Amino acid sequence: MKKYENVSGFSAMYLKNENELFEHINVIYDLMYHHYILGKRDNYNFPHSECCPSSQNLMVAGMMIGYPNASVLGNGYYDHYYTAFPFLLNGEKGLIVADPTSDQLWRKRNVRPRNHIFVVKHGKWKYKTDWAGGGDLYPDGYLNLSTLRKDIYNWDEYDKRVDEFFENVFGNPIKINV
C-alpha cells in the first residue's frame, strides 16, 4: 500500500499507442500464465471454483510489479470474477480483461480458452461464455486500490457501485512503466 500512497485509488494507465497496449497485454498474460502454473501445481482442483482468489492474486501481483490500476471485477449473480486493467488510448477508454480461470467457463468446446485475455471499450460490453447458461458476466462489483485502502482485510465484500468505479478510473490517467 505504501508503494502507491501518492496514487489515486482509482486510475487508468495512459497509453501512447497500440504497441504500448500490446506490450502491457504481453506482461499481464505472462503474469497470468505463471499464476496458472502455480495454481495447477498447488491445487488439484484449479481452476474450478477458484476465480475469486485467482483474480485477487493476479490483481495483487499486478500491483506488485507496477500496475496500481489492477482491479478485480465480478458478477455476483453468476458468481464469476476476473481481473481488469483500465486504460486510456487516443482518448478512448478501455479495459484489458484478464481471466485467470477462464477455462472453467466453457463446457461446450473441446478446446477451452485458458488464461483468456481480451480488450474491451468502456461501455456496456458483454462477457458471455457457457457459464451460467450463457449469462453475461459484465461486472456488478469491484475490488481495487481504493477498496483495499478502506479495509485491507476485507477481500469478500465487493463494492457494488460499479458505475462509480468506471467514472473514477478513467478520470485519473497515469503513466505505467513495467
C-alpha atoms as a PDB file:
ATOM      1  CA  MET A   1       0.000   0.000   0.000  1.00  0.00           C
ATOM      2  CA  LYS A   2       2.890   2.363   0.726  1.00  0.00           C
ATOM      3  CA  LYS A   3       4.133   1.924  -2.823  1.00  0.00           C
ATOM      4  CA  TYR A   4       1.035   3.724  -4.107  1.00  0.00           C
ATOM      5  CA  GLU A   5       0.319   6.194  -1.310  1.00  0.00           C
ATOM      6  CA  ASN A   6       0.579   9.087  -3.808  1.00  0.00           C
ATOM      7  CA  VAL A   7      -1.590   7.392  -6.449  1.00  0.00           C
ATOM      8  CA  SER A   8      -5.356   7.731  -6.606  1.00  0.00           C
ATOM      9  CA  GLY A   9      -7.295   4.655  -5.547  1.00  0.00           C
ATOM     10  CA  PHE A  10      -8.894   4.784  -8.990  1.00  0.00           C
ATOM     11  CA  SER A  11      -6.640   5.053 -12.045  1.00  0.00           C
ATOM     12  CA  ALA A  12      -6.244   4.059 -15.668  1.00  0.00           C
ATOM     13  CA  MET A  13      -2.949   3.652 -17.463  1.00  0.00           C
ATOM     14  CA  TYR A  14      -2.259   6.275 -20.081  1.00  0.00           C
ATOM     15  CA  LEU A  15      -1.037   4.630 -23.300  1.00  0.00           C
ATOM     16  CA  LYS A  16       0.700   6.427 -26.173  1.00  0.00           C
ATOM     17  CA  ASN A  17      -0.116   3.930 -28.907  1.00  0.00           C
ATOM     18  CA  GLU A  18      -1.330   0.435 -29.721  1.00  0.00           C
ATOM     19  CA  ASN A  19       2.168  -1.024 -29.444  1.00  0.00           C
ATOM     20  CA  GLU A  20       2.263   0.055 -25.820  1.00  0.00           C
ATOM     21  CA  LEU A  21      -1.140  -1.601 -25.300  1.00  0.00           C
ATOM     22  CA  PHE A  22       0.207  -4.854 -26.759  1.00  0.00           C
ATOM     23  CA  GLU A  23       3.279  -4.657 -24.508  1.00  0.00           C
ATOM     24  CA  HIS A  24       1.046  -4.457 -21.436  1.00  0.00           C
ATOM     25  CA  ILE A  25      -1.130  -7.304 -22.724  1.00  0.00           C
ATOM     26  CA  ASN A  26       2.015  -9.446 -23.022  1.00  0.00           C
ATOM     27  CA  VAL A  27       3.185  -8.590 -19.495  1.00  0.00           C
ATOM     28  CA  ILE A  28      -0.246  -9.264 -17.984  1.00  0.00           C
ATOM     29  CA  TYR A  29      -0.657 -12.510 -19.922  1.00  0.00           C
ATOM     30  CA  ASP A  30       2.774 -13.697 -18.783  1.00  0.00           C
ATOM     31  CA  LEU A  31       1.878 -12.920 -15.171  1.00  0.00           C
ATOM     32  CA  MET A  32      -1.442 -14.756 -15.537  1.00  0.00           C
ATOM     33  CA  TYR A  33       0.235 -17.745 -17.234  1.00  0.00           C
ATOM     34  CA  HIS A  34       2.706 -18.190 -14.388  1.00  0.00           C
ATOM     35  CA  HIS A  35      -0.096 -17.815 -11.875  1.00  0.00           C
ATOM     36  CA  TYR A  36      -1.930 -20.649 -13.668  1.00  0.00           C
ATOM     37  CA  ILE A  37       1.104 -22.919 -13.380  1.00  0.00           C
ATOM     38  CA  LEU A  38       1.304 -22.253  -9.630  1.00  0.00           C
ATOM     39  CA  GLY A  39      -2.439 -22.822  -9.276  1.00  0.00           C
ATOM     40  CA  LYS A  40      -2.269 -26.195 -11.034  1.00  0.00           C
ATOM     41  CA  ARG A  41       0.762 -27.227  -9.014  1.00  0.00           C
ATOM     42  CA  ASP A  42      -0.718 -26.328  -5.634  1.00  0.00           C
ATOM     43  CA  ASN A  43      -4.412 -27.163  -6.115  1.00  0.00           C
ATOM     44  CA  TYR A  44      -5.571 -30.288  -7.937  1.00  0.00           C
ATOM     45  CA  ASN A  45      -8.995 -28.684  -8.449  1.00  0.00           C
ATOM     46  CA  PHE A  46      -7.660 -25.496 -10.086  1.00  0.00           C
ATOM     47  CA  PRO A  47      -9.120 -23.605 -11.985  1.00  0.00           C
ATOM     48  CA  HIS A  48     -12.561 -24.829 -10.877  1.00  0.00           C
ATOM     49  CA  SER A  49     -14.152 -22.714  -8.145  1.00  0.00           C
ATOM     50  CA  GLU A  50     -11.030 -20.565  -7.869  1.00  0.00           C
ATOM     51  CA  CYS A  51     -11.994 -17.452  -9.847  1.00  0.00           C
ATOM     52  CA  CYS A  52     -12.217 -15.083  -6.884  1.00  0.00           C
ATOM     53  CA  PRO A  53      -8.902 -15.888  -5.155  1.00  0.00           C
ATOM     54  CA  SER A  54      -7.143 -16.258  -8.508  1.00  0.00           C
ATOM     55  CA  SER A  55      -8.333 -12.855  -9.687  1.00  0.00           C
ATOM     56  CA  GLN A  56      -7.376 -11.292  -6.374  1.00  0.00           C
ATOM     57  CA  ASN A  57      -3.918 -12.878  -6.579  1.00  0.00           C
ATOM     58  CA  LEU A  58      -3.490 -11.568 -10.118  1.00  0.00           C
ATOM     59  CA  MET A  59      -4.583  -8.081  -9.012  1.00  0.00           C
ATOM     60  CA  VAL A  60      -2.060  -8.034  -6.149  1.00  0.00           C
ATOM     61  CA  ALA A  61       0.713  -9.458  -8.345  1.00  0.00           C
ATOM     62  CA  GLY A  62      -0.098  -6.770 -10.911  1.00  0.00           C
ATOM     63  CA  MET A  63       0.136  -4.094  -8.233  1.00  0.00           C
ATOM     64  CA  MET A  64       3.443  -5.506  -7.035  1.00  0.00           C
ATOM     65  CA  ILE A  65       5.030  -5.175 -10.479  1.00  0.00           C
ATOM     66  CA  GLY A  66       3.710  -1.667 -11.128  1.00  0.00           C
ATOM     67  CA  TYR A  67       0.003  -1.708 -12.030  1.00  0.00           C
ATOM     68  CA  PRO A  68      -1.867   0.357  -9.393  1.00  0.00           C
ATOM     69  CA  ASN A  69      -4.882   0.247 -11.734  1.00  0.00           C
ATOM     70  CA  ALA A  70      -5.218  -3.547 -11.377  1.00  0.00           C
ATOM     71  CA  SER A  71      -8.745  -4.356 -10.227  1.00  0.00           C
ATOM     72  CA  VAL A  72     -10.960  -7.359  -9.704  1.00  0.00           C
ATOM     73  CA  LEU A  73     -14.332  -7.116 -11.402  1.00  0.00           C
ATOM     74  CA  GLY A  74     -17.041  -9.616 -10.706  1.00  0.00           C
ATOM     75  CA  ASN A  75     -20.561 -10.659 -11.353  1.00  0.00           C
ATOM     76  CA  GLY A  76     -22.025 -11.754  -8.039  1.00  0.00           C
ATOM     77  CA  TYR A  77     -25.238 -13.085  -9.554  1.00  0.00           C
ATOM     78  CA  TYR A  78     -23.389 -15.532 -11.806  1.00  0.00           C
ATOM     79  CA  ASP A  79     -20.530 -15.926  -9.309  1.00  0.00           C
ATOM     80  CA  HIS A  80     -17.547 -15.239 -11.531  1.00  0.00           C
ATOM     81  CA  TYR A  81     -14.633 -12.851 -11.009  1.00  0.00           C
ATOM     82  CA  TYR A  82     -11.760 -11.701 -13.214  1.00  0.00           C
ATOM     83  CA  THR A  83      -9.028  -9.069 -13.288  1.00  0.00           C
ATOM     84  CA  ALA A  84      -9.131  -5.837 -15.276  1.00  0.00           C
ATOM     85  CA  PHE A  85      -6.583  -3.163 -16.099  1.00  0.00           C
ATOM     86  CA  PRO A  86      -8.277   0.113 -17.176  1.00  0.00           C
ATOM     87  CA  PHE A  87      -6.502   2.240 -19.790  1.00  0.00           C
ATOM     88  CA  LEU A  88      -6.822   5.362 -21.947  1.00  0.00           C
ATOM     89  CA  LEU A  89      -5.575   5.260 -25.546  1.00  0.00           C
ATOM     90  CA  ASN A  90      -6.089   8.106 -28.021  1.00  0.00           C
ATOM     91  CA  GLY A  91      -8.958   9.451 -25.936  1.00  0.00           C
ATOM     92  CA  GLU A  92     -10.681   6.051 -25.880  1.00  0.00           C
ATOM     93  CA  LYS A  93     -11.476   4.344 -22.588  1.00  0.00           C
ATOM     94  CA  GLY A  94     -10.884   0.624 -22.383  1.00  0.00           C
ATOM     95  CA  LEU A  95     -10.008  -2.371 -20.259  1.00  0.00           C
ATOM     96  CA  ILE A  96      -7.601  -5.230 -20.576  1.00  0.00           C
ATOM     97  CA  VAL A  97      -9.663  -8.076 -19.118  1.00  0.00           C
ATOM     98  CA  ALA A  98      -7.589 -10.986 -17.821  1.00  0.00           C
ATOM     99  CA  ASP A  99      -9.492 -14.053 -16.656  1.00  0.00           C
ATOM    100  CA  PRO A 100      -7.125 -16.448 -14.853  1.00  0.00           C
ATOM    101  CA  THR A 101      -9.722 -19.234 -14.601  1.00  0.00           C
ATOM    102  CA  SER A 102     -11.485 -18.816 -17.929  1.00  0.00           C
ATOM    103  CA  ASP A 103     -11.181 -22.450 -18.975  1.00  0.00           C
ATOM    104  CA  GLN A 104     -13.832 -23.422 -16.407  1.00  0.00           C
ATOM    105  CA  LEU A 105     -16.351 -21.209 -18.249  1.00  0.00           C
ATOM    106  CA  TRP A 106     -16.550 -23.286 -21.407  1.00  0.00           C
ATOM    107  CA  ARG A 107     -18.360 -26.620 -21.355  1.00  0.00           C
ATOM    108  CA  LYS A 108     -19.396 -26.916 -24.987  1.00  0.00           C
ATOM    109  CA  ARG A 109     -15.936 -26.608 -26.525  1.00  0.00           C
ATOM    110  CA  ASN A 110     -13.260 -29.220 -26.961  1.00  0.00           C
ATOM    111  CA  VAL A 111     -10.612 -26.525 -26.573  1.00  0.00           C
ATOM    112  CA  ARG A 112     -11.413 -24.122 -23.763  1.00  0.00           C
ATOM    113  CA  PRO A 113      -9.768 -20.682 -23.706  1.00  0.00           C
ATOM    114  CA  ARG A 114      -7.214 -20.793 -20.916  1.00  0.00           C
ATOM    115  CA  ASN A 115      -5.956 -17.512 -19.440  1.00  0.00           C
ATOM    116  CA  HIS A 116      -8.417 -15.604 -21.590  1.00  0.00           C
ATOM    117  CA  ILE A 117      -7.245 -12.045 -22.155  1.00  0.00           C
ATOM    118  CA  PHE A 118      -9.111  -9.525 -24.253  1.00  0.00           C
ATOM    119  CA  VAL A 119      -9.610  -5.797 -24.711  1.00  0.00           C
ATOM    120  CA  VAL A 120     -12.966  -4.040 -24.483  1.00  0.00           C
ATOM    121  CA  LYS A 121     -14.028  -0.450 -24.989  1.00  0.00           C
ATOM    122  CA  HIS A 122     -15.629   1.171 -21.991  1.00  0.00           C
ATOM    123  CA  GLY A 123     -19.387   0.975 -22.121  1.00  0.00           C
ATOM    124  CA  LYS A 124     -21.885  -1.793 -21.727  1.00  0.00           C
ATOM    125  CA  TRP A 125     -19.675  -4.566 -23.117  1.00  0.00           C
ATOM    126  CA  LYS A 126     -20.597  -8.210 -22.717  1.00  0.00           C
ATOM    127  CA  TYR A 127     -18.667 -11.173 -21.400  1.00  0.00           C
ATOM    128  CA  LYS A 128     -20.589 -14.264 -22.474  1.00  0.00           C
ATOM    129  CA  THR A 129     -19.425 -17.844 -22.120  1.00  0.00           C
ATOM    130  CA  ASP A 130     -21.088 -21.194 -21.429  1.00  0.00           C
ATOM    131  CA  TRP A 131     -21.047 -20.351 -17.707  1.00  0.00           C
ATOM    132  CA  ALA A 132     -24.425 -19.906 -16.016  1.00  0.00           C
ATOM    133  CA  GLY A 133     -26.336 -20.861 -19.133  1.00  0.00           C
ATOM    134  CA  GLY A 134     -24.618 -18.182 -21.189  1.00  0.00           C
ATOM    135  CA  GLY A 135     -25.311 -15.354 -18.746  1.00  0.00           C
ATOM    136  CA  ASP A 136     -23.495 -12.047 -19.248  1.00  0.00           C
ATOM    137  CA  LEU A 137     -20.599 -11.773 -16.800  1.00  0.00           C
ATOM    138  CA  TYR A 138     -20.492  -7.960 -17.024  1.00  0.00           C
ATOM    139  CA  PRO A 139     -19.435  -6.781 -13.558  1.00  0.00           C
ATOM    140  CA  ASP A 140     -21.701  -5.705 -10.750  1.00  0.00           C
ATOM    141  CA  GLY A 141     -18.906  -5.212  -8.223  1.00  0.00           C
ATOM    142  CA  TYR A 142     -15.205  -4.486  -7.850  1.00  0.00           C
ATOM    143  CA  LEU A 143     -12.117  -4.531  -5.648  1.00  0.00           C
ATOM    144  CA  ASN A 144      -9.227  -2.170  -6.296  1.00  0.00           C
ATOM    145  CA  LEU A 145      -6.672   0.039  -4.585  1.00  0.00           C
ATOM    146  CA  SER A 146      -9.454   2.271  -3.257  1.00  0.00           C
ATOM    147  CA  THR A 147     -11.388  -0.576  -1.611  1.00  0.00           C
ATOM    148  CA  LEU A 148      -8.193  -2.039  -0.147  1.00  0.00           C
ATOM    149  CA  ARG A 149      -7.349   1.330   1.400  1.00  0.00           C
ATOM    150  CA  LYS A 150     -10.732   1.366   3.121  1.00  0.00           C
ATOM    151  CA  ASP A 151     -10.249  -2.107   4.593  1.00  0.00           C
ATOM    152  CA  ILE A 152      -7.136  -4.112   3.748  1.00  0.00           C
ATOM    153  CA  TYR A 153      -8.604  -7.202   5.427  1.00  0.00           C
ATOM    154  CA  ASN A 154     -11.892  -7.251   3.534  1.00  0.00           C
ATOM    155  CA  TRP A 155     -11.483  -9.439   0.460  1.00  0.00           C
ATOM    156  CA  ASP A 156     -15.023 -10.814   0.451  1.00  0.00           C
ATOM    157  CA  GLU A 157     -17.159  -7.691   0.090  1.00  0.00           C
ATOM    158  CA  TYR A 158     -17.093  -6.221  -3.387  1.00  0.00           C
ATOM    159  CA  ASP A 159     -18.135  -2.601  -3.824  1.00  0.00           C
ATOM    160  CA  LYS A 160     -21.367  -2.717  -5.812  1.00  0.00           C
ATOM    161  CA  ARG A 161     -21.069   0.838  -7.159  1.00  0.00           C
ATOM    162  CA  VAL A 162     -19.530  -0.372 -10.412  1.00  0.00           C
ATOM    163  CA  ASP A 163     -20.743   2.717 -12.309  1.00  0.00           C
ATOM    164  CA  GLU A 164     -18.774   4.839  -9.850  1.00  0.00           C
ATOM    165  CA  PHE A 165     -15.749   2.624 -10.481  1.00  0.00           C
ATOM    166  CA  PHE A 166     -15.898   3.282 -14.218  1.00  0.00           C
ATOM    167  CA  GLU A 167     -16.464   7.025 -13.707  1.00  0.00           C
ATOM    168  CA  ASN A 168     -13.485   7.353 -11.387  1.00  0.00           C
ATOM    169  CA  VAL A 169     -10.829   5.151 -13.001  1.00  0.00           C
ATOM    170  CA  PHE A 170     -10.856   6.960 -16.314  1.00  0.00           C
ATOM    171  CA  GLY A 171     -10.621  10.346 -14.591  1.00  0.00           C
ATOM    172  CA  ASN A 172      -7.137   9.573 -13.275  1.00  0.00           C
ATOM    173  CA  PRO A 173      -4.757   8.666 -16.113  1.00  0.00           C
ATOM    174  CA  ILE A 174      -1.282   7.592 -15.004  1.00  0.00           C
ATOM    175  CA  LYS A 175       1.852   6.510 -16.824  1.00  0.00           C
ATOM    176  CA  ILE A 176       2.870   2.952 -16.009  1.00  0.00           C
ATOM    177  CA  ASN A 177       6.313   1.529 -16.656  1.00  0.00           C
ATOM    178  CA  VAL A 178       6.808  -2.165 -16.014  1.00  0.00           C
END
